[in-house]
Amino acid sequence: MARIKSAVKNIRKTRRRRAVNIIRRGRLRSQIKRLRSLLAKKDAGGASRELARTLSLLDKSIGTGIIHRNTAARHKSRLTRQVNALQAVR
């Protein structure tokens, strides 16, 4: 266990940051699942609305360091392509 004051403080900071990051990562994953469920139901209108929210959340997640920018780009590309394909079928 750490005894030095700065090390103890760093442990506290790390625990707080970890808790916040877990919440943010869970929010992102839930949003992606919500969009994918709408795609599975073939709900084009709902999917296009959720796509905007999902893309926004992905961009915010890059800024806070939750996910890597290439991972976000991959998700954005695939989800956008699926939504566009669903709208083209209509």
N, C-alpha and C. Protein backbone atom coordinates (compact mmCIF):
# COMPACT_ATOMS: atom_id res chain seq x y z
N MET A 1 0.84 -1.19 0.00
CA MET A 1 0.00 0.00 0.00
C MET A 1 0.88 1.24 0.00
N ALA A 2 0.43 2.23 -0.72
CA ALA A 2 1.20 3.47 -0.84
C ALA A 2 1.17 4.25 0.47
N ARG A 3 2.32 4.87 0.79
CA ARG A 3 2.41 5.68 1.99
C ARG A 3 2.63 7.14 1.66
N ILE A 4 3.26 7.39 0.54
CA ILE A 4 3.57 8.77 0.16
C ILE A 4 2.28 9.48 -0.20
N LYS A 5 2.18 10.73 0.26
CA LYS A 5 0.95 11.49 0.07
C LYS A 5 0.53 11.58 -1.39
N SER A 6 1.48 11.87 -2.27
CA SER A 6 1.15 12.03 -3.69
C SER A 6 0.68 10.71 -4.29
N ALA A 7 1.28 9.61 -3.84
CA ALA A 7 0.88 8.30 -4.35
C ALA A 7 -0.53 7.95 -3.89
N VAL A 8 -0.86 8.28 -2.66
CA VAL A 8 -2.21 8.03 -2.14
C VAL A 8 -3.23 8.85 -2.92
N LYS A 9 -2.87 10.10 -3.19
CA LYS A 9 -3.77 10.97 -3.96
C LYS A 9 -3.95 10.43 -5.37
N ASN A 10 -2.86 9.97 -5.99
CA ASN A 10 -2.96 9.41 -7.33
C ASN A 10 -3.85 8.18 -7.37
N ILE A 11 -3.83 7.37 -6.34
CA ILE A 11 -4.71 6.21 -6.26
C ILE A 11 -6.16 6.65 -6.20
N ARG A 12 -6.45 7.69 -5.38
CA ARG A 12 -7.82 8.20 -5.31
C ARG A 12 -8.28 8.73 -6.66
N LYS A 13 -7.41 9.49 -7.33
CA LYS A 13 -7.76 10.05 -8.65
C LYS A 13 -8.02 8.94 -9.66
N THR A 14 -7.18 7.92 -9.64
CA THR A 14 -7.33 6.82 -10.58
C THR A 14 -8.65 6.10 -10.38
N ARG A 15 -9.03 5.89 -9.12
CA ARG A 15 -10.30 5.20 -8.83
C ARG A 15 -11.49 6.02 -9.31
N ARG A 16 -11.43 7.34 -9.09
CA ARG A 16 -12.53 8.21 -9.56
C ARG A 16 -12.62 8.18 -11.07
N ARG A 17 -11.48 8.32 -11.73
CA ARG A 17 -11.47 8.33 -13.20
C ARG A 17 -11.97 7.01 -13.76
N ARG A 18 -11.57 5.92 -13.14
CA ARG A 18 -12.00 4.60 -13.60
C ARG A 18 -13.52 4.47 -13.49
N ALA A 19 -14.08 4.93 -12.39
CA ALA A 19 -15.53 4.85 -12.20
C ALA A 19 -16.26 5.67 -13.28
N VAL A 20 -15.76 6.85 -13.57
CA VAL A 20 -16.38 7.70 -14.58
C VAL A 20 -16.26 7.05 -15.96
N ASN A 21 -15.07 6.50 -16.25
CA ASN A 21 -14.86 5.88 -17.56
C ASN A 21 -15.73 4.66 -17.76
N ILE A 22 -15.96 3.89 -16.69
CA ILE A 22 -16.83 2.72 -16.79
C ILE A 22 -18.25 3.16 -17.14
N ILE A 23 -18.72 4.23 -16.52
CA ILE A 23 -20.05 4.75 -16.81
C ILE A 23 -20.14 5.22 -18.26
N ARG A 24 -19.14 5.97 -18.69
CA ARG A 24 -19.16 6.49 -20.06
C ARG A 24 -19.08 5.37 -21.09
N ARG A 25 -18.24 4.36 -20.84
CA ARG A 25 -18.11 3.25 -21.77
C ARG A 25 -19.42 2.46 -21.83
N GLY A 26 -20.07 2.30 -20.69
CA GLY A 26 -21.35 1.59 -20.66
C GLY A 26 -22.43 2.34 -21.41
N ARG A 27 -22.44 3.67 -21.28
CA ARG A 27 -23.40 4.50 -22.00
C ARG A 27 -23.20 4.37 -23.51
N LEU A 28 -21.94 4.35 -23.93
CA LEU A 28 -21.63 4.21 -25.35
C LEU A 28 -22.07 2.85 -25.87
N ARG A 29 -21.75 1.80 -25.13
CA ARG A 29 -22.13 0.46 -25.56
C ARG A 29 -23.65 0.31 -25.64
N SER A 30 -24.35 0.86 -24.67
CA SER A 30 -25.81 0.79 -24.68
C SER A 30 -26.40 1.51 -25.89
N GLN A 31 -25.82 2.66 -26.23
CA GLN A 31 -26.31 3.42 -27.38
C GLN A 31 -26.09 2.64 -28.68
N ILE A 32 -24.93 1.99 -28.80
CA ILE A 32 -24.66 1.19 -29.99
C ILE A 32 -25.63 0.01 -30.07
N LYS A 33 -25.89 -0.63 -28.94
CA LYS A 33 -26.84 -1.75 -28.90
C LYS A 33 -28.24 -1.29 -29.28
N ARG A 34 -28.63 -0.10 -28.81
CA ARG A 34 -29.94 0.45 -29.13
C ARG A 34 -30.09 0.64 -30.64
N LEU A 35 -29.05 1.19 -31.25
CA LEU A 35 -29.08 1.39 -32.70
C LEU A 35 -29.11 0.06 -33.44
N ARG A 36 -28.31 -0.90 -32.99
CA ARG A 36 -28.29 -2.20 -33.66
C ARG A 36 -29.62 -2.93 -33.53
N SER A 37 -30.31 -2.75 -32.41
CA SER A 37 -31.62 -3.40 -32.26
C SER A 37 -32.63 -2.78 -33.22
N LEU A 38 -32.55 -1.46 -33.43
CA LEU A 38 -33.43 -0.82 -34.41
C LEU A 38 -33.11 -1.29 -35.82
N LEU A 39 -31.84 -1.51 -36.11
CA LEU A 39 -31.46 -2.02 -37.42
C LEU A 39 -31.99 -3.44 -37.60
N ALA A 40 -31.96 -4.23 -36.54
CA ALA A 40 -32.47 -5.60 -36.63
C ALA A 40 -33.98 -5.61 -36.85
N LYS A 41 -34.68 -4.63 -36.27
CA LYS A 41 -36.13 -4.53 -36.45
C LYS A 41 -36.50 -3.89 -37.78
N LYS A 42 -35.48 -3.39 -38.49
CA LYS A 42 -35.67 -2.71 -39.78
C LYS A 42 -36.51 -1.44 -39.64
N ASP A 43 -36.29 -0.71 -38.55
CA ASP A 43 -36.96 0.56 -38.31
C ASP A 43 -36.06 1.68 -38.83
N ALA A 44 -36.27 2.09 -40.07
CA ALA A 44 -35.39 3.06 -40.72
C ALA A 44 -35.46 4.44 -40.05
N GLY A 45 -36.66 4.89 -39.71
CA GLY A 45 -36.80 6.21 -39.10
C GLY A 45 -36.14 6.29 -37.74
N GLY A 46 -36.40 5.30 -36.91
CA GLY A 46 -35.80 5.27 -35.58
C GLY A 46 -34.29 5.11 -35.64
N ALA A 47 -33.83 4.30 -36.59
CA ALA A 47 -32.40 4.07 -36.74
C ALA A 47 -31.67 5.35 -37.16
N SER A 48 -32.28 6.11 -38.04
CA SER A 48 -31.62 7.35 -38.48
C SER A 48 -31.56 8.37 -37.35
N ARG A 49 -32.59 8.41 -36.50
CA ARG A 49 -32.56 9.30 -35.34
C ARG A 49 -31.49 8.86 -34.34
N GLU A 50 -31.43 7.57 -34.08
CA GLU A 50 -30.45 7.05 -33.13
C GLU A 50 -29.03 7.14 -33.68
N LEU A 51 -28.89 7.11 -35.00
CA LEU A 51 -27.56 7.20 -35.59
C LEU A 51 -26.91 8.53 -35.23
N ALA A 52 -27.67 9.61 -35.29
CA ALA A 52 -27.11 10.92 -34.96
C ALA A 52 -26.63 10.95 -33.52
N ARG A 53 -27.41 10.38 -32.61
CA ARG A 53 -27.02 10.34 -31.19
C ARG A 53 -25.77 9.47 -31.00
N THR A 54 -25.76 8.35 -31.72
CA THR A 54 -24.64 7.43 -31.58
C THR A 54 -23.34 8.04 -32.10
N LEU A 55 -23.41 8.70 -33.25
CA LEU A 55 -22.22 9.33 -33.81
C LEU A 55 -21.70 10.43 -32.89
N SER A 56 -22.61 11.18 -32.30
CA SER A 56 -22.22 12.24 -31.37
C SER A 56 -21.51 11.65 -30.16
N LEU A 57 -22.08 10.57 -29.62
CA LEU A 57 -21.49 9.93 -28.45
C LEU A 57 -20.13 9.32 -28.78
N LEU A 58 -19.99 8.77 -29.99
CA LEU A 58 -18.70 8.23 -30.40
C LEU A 58 -17.64 9.33 -30.46
N ASP A 59 -18.02 10.48 -31.02
CA ASP A 59 -17.08 11.60 -31.11
C ASP A 59 -16.67 12.09 -29.73
N LYS A 60 -17.63 12.15 -28.81
CA LYS A 60 -17.31 12.58 -27.44
C LYS A 60 -16.40 11.57 -26.75
N SER A 61 -16.61 10.30 -27.06
CA SER A 61 -15.80 9.25 -26.45
C SER A 61 -14.35 9.32 -26.91
N ILE A 62 -14.14 9.77 -28.13
CA ILE A 62 -12.77 9.95 -28.61
C ILE A 62 -12.09 11.03 -27.77
N GLY A 63 -12.78 12.13 -27.57
CA GLY A 63 -12.20 13.26 -26.84
C GLY A 63 -11.87 12.94 -25.41
N THR A 64 -12.67 12.09 -24.78
CA THR A 64 -12.42 11.76 -23.38
C THR A 64 -11.49 10.56 -23.23
N GLY A 65 -11.11 9.94 -24.34
CA GLY A 65 -10.16 8.84 -24.28
C GLY A 65 -10.79 7.50 -23.96
N ILE A 66 -12.09 7.39 -24.12
CA ILE A 66 -12.76 6.12 -23.84
C ILE A 66 -12.42 5.09 -24.90
N ILE A 67 -12.41 5.51 -26.18
CA ILE A 67 -12.04 4.61 -27.27
C ILE A 67 -11.07 5.32 -28.20
N HIS A 68 -10.35 4.53 -28.95
CA HIS A 68 -9.38 5.05 -29.91
C HIS A 68 -10.13 5.63 -31.11
N ARG A 69 -9.53 6.61 -31.77
CA ARG A 69 -10.21 7.28 -32.88
C ARG A 69 -10.45 6.33 -34.05
N ASN A 70 -9.57 5.36 -34.27
CA ASN A 70 -9.78 4.41 -35.37
C ASN A 70 -10.94 3.46 -35.06
N THR A 71 -11.08 3.09 -33.81
CA THR A 71 -12.20 2.25 -33.39
C THR A 71 -13.51 2.99 -33.60
N ALA A 72 -13.53 4.26 -33.23
CA ALA A 72 -14.73 5.07 -33.42
C ALA A 72 -15.04 5.22 -34.90
N ALA A 73 -14.02 5.43 -35.71
CA ALA A 73 -14.22 5.58 -37.14
C ALA A 73 -14.80 4.30 -37.74
N ARG A 74 -14.32 3.16 -37.28
CA ARG A 74 -14.84 1.88 -37.77
C ARG A 74 -16.31 1.72 -37.40
N HIS A 75 -16.66 2.02 -36.16
CA HIS A 75 -18.06 1.92 -35.73
C HIS A 75 -18.93 2.88 -36.54
N LYS A 76 -18.48 4.11 -36.69
CA LYS A 76 -19.26 5.11 -37.42
C LYS A 76 -19.49 4.68 -38.85
N SER A 77 -18.46 4.17 -39.48
CA SER A 77 -18.56 3.76 -40.88
C SER A 77 -19.55 2.60 -41.03
N ARG A 78 -19.40 1.59 -40.21
CA ARG A 78 -20.26 0.40 -40.35
C ARG A 78 -21.72 0.71 -40.02
N LEU A 79 -21.94 1.47 -38.94
CA LEU A 79 -23.31 1.78 -38.56
C LEU A 79 -23.98 2.68 -39.59
N THR A 80 -23.25 3.67 -40.10
CA THR A 80 -23.81 4.56 -41.11
C THR A 80 -24.16 3.79 -42.37
N ARG A 81 -23.27 2.88 -42.77
CA ARG A 81 -23.52 2.07 -43.96
C ARG A 81 -24.77 1.21 -43.79
N GLN A 82 -24.95 0.65 -42.60
CA GLN A 82 -26.13 -0.20 -42.35
C GLN A 82 -27.42 0.62 -42.36
N VAL A 83 -27.38 1.81 -41.76
CA VAL A 83 -28.57 2.67 -41.75
C VAL A 83 -28.91 3.10 -43.17
N ASN A 84 -27.90 3.48 -43.96
CA ASN A 84 -28.14 3.91 -45.34
C ASN A 84 -28.71 2.76 -46.17
N ALA A 85 -28.20 1.56 -45.94
CA ALA A 85 -28.71 0.38 -46.67
C ALA A 85 -30.17 0.12 -46.31
N LEU A 86 -30.50 0.33 -45.05
CA LEU A 86 -31.88 0.11 -44.61
C LEU A 86 -32.82 1.14 -45.22
N GLN A 87 -32.36 2.37 -45.34
CA GLN A 87 -33.19 3.42 -45.95
C GLN A 87 -33.34 3.21 -47.45
N ALA A 88 -32.33 2.64 -48.08
CA ALA A 88 -32.38 2.40 -49.53
C ALA A 88 -33.39 1.31 -49.86
N VAL A 89 -33.58 0.37 -48.93
CA VAL A 89 -34.53 -0.73 -49.16
C VAL A 89 -35.96 -0.22 -49.13
N ARG A 90 -36.20 0.81 -48.30
CA ARG A 90 -37.57 1.32 -48.16
C ARG A 90 -38.13 1.82 -49.43
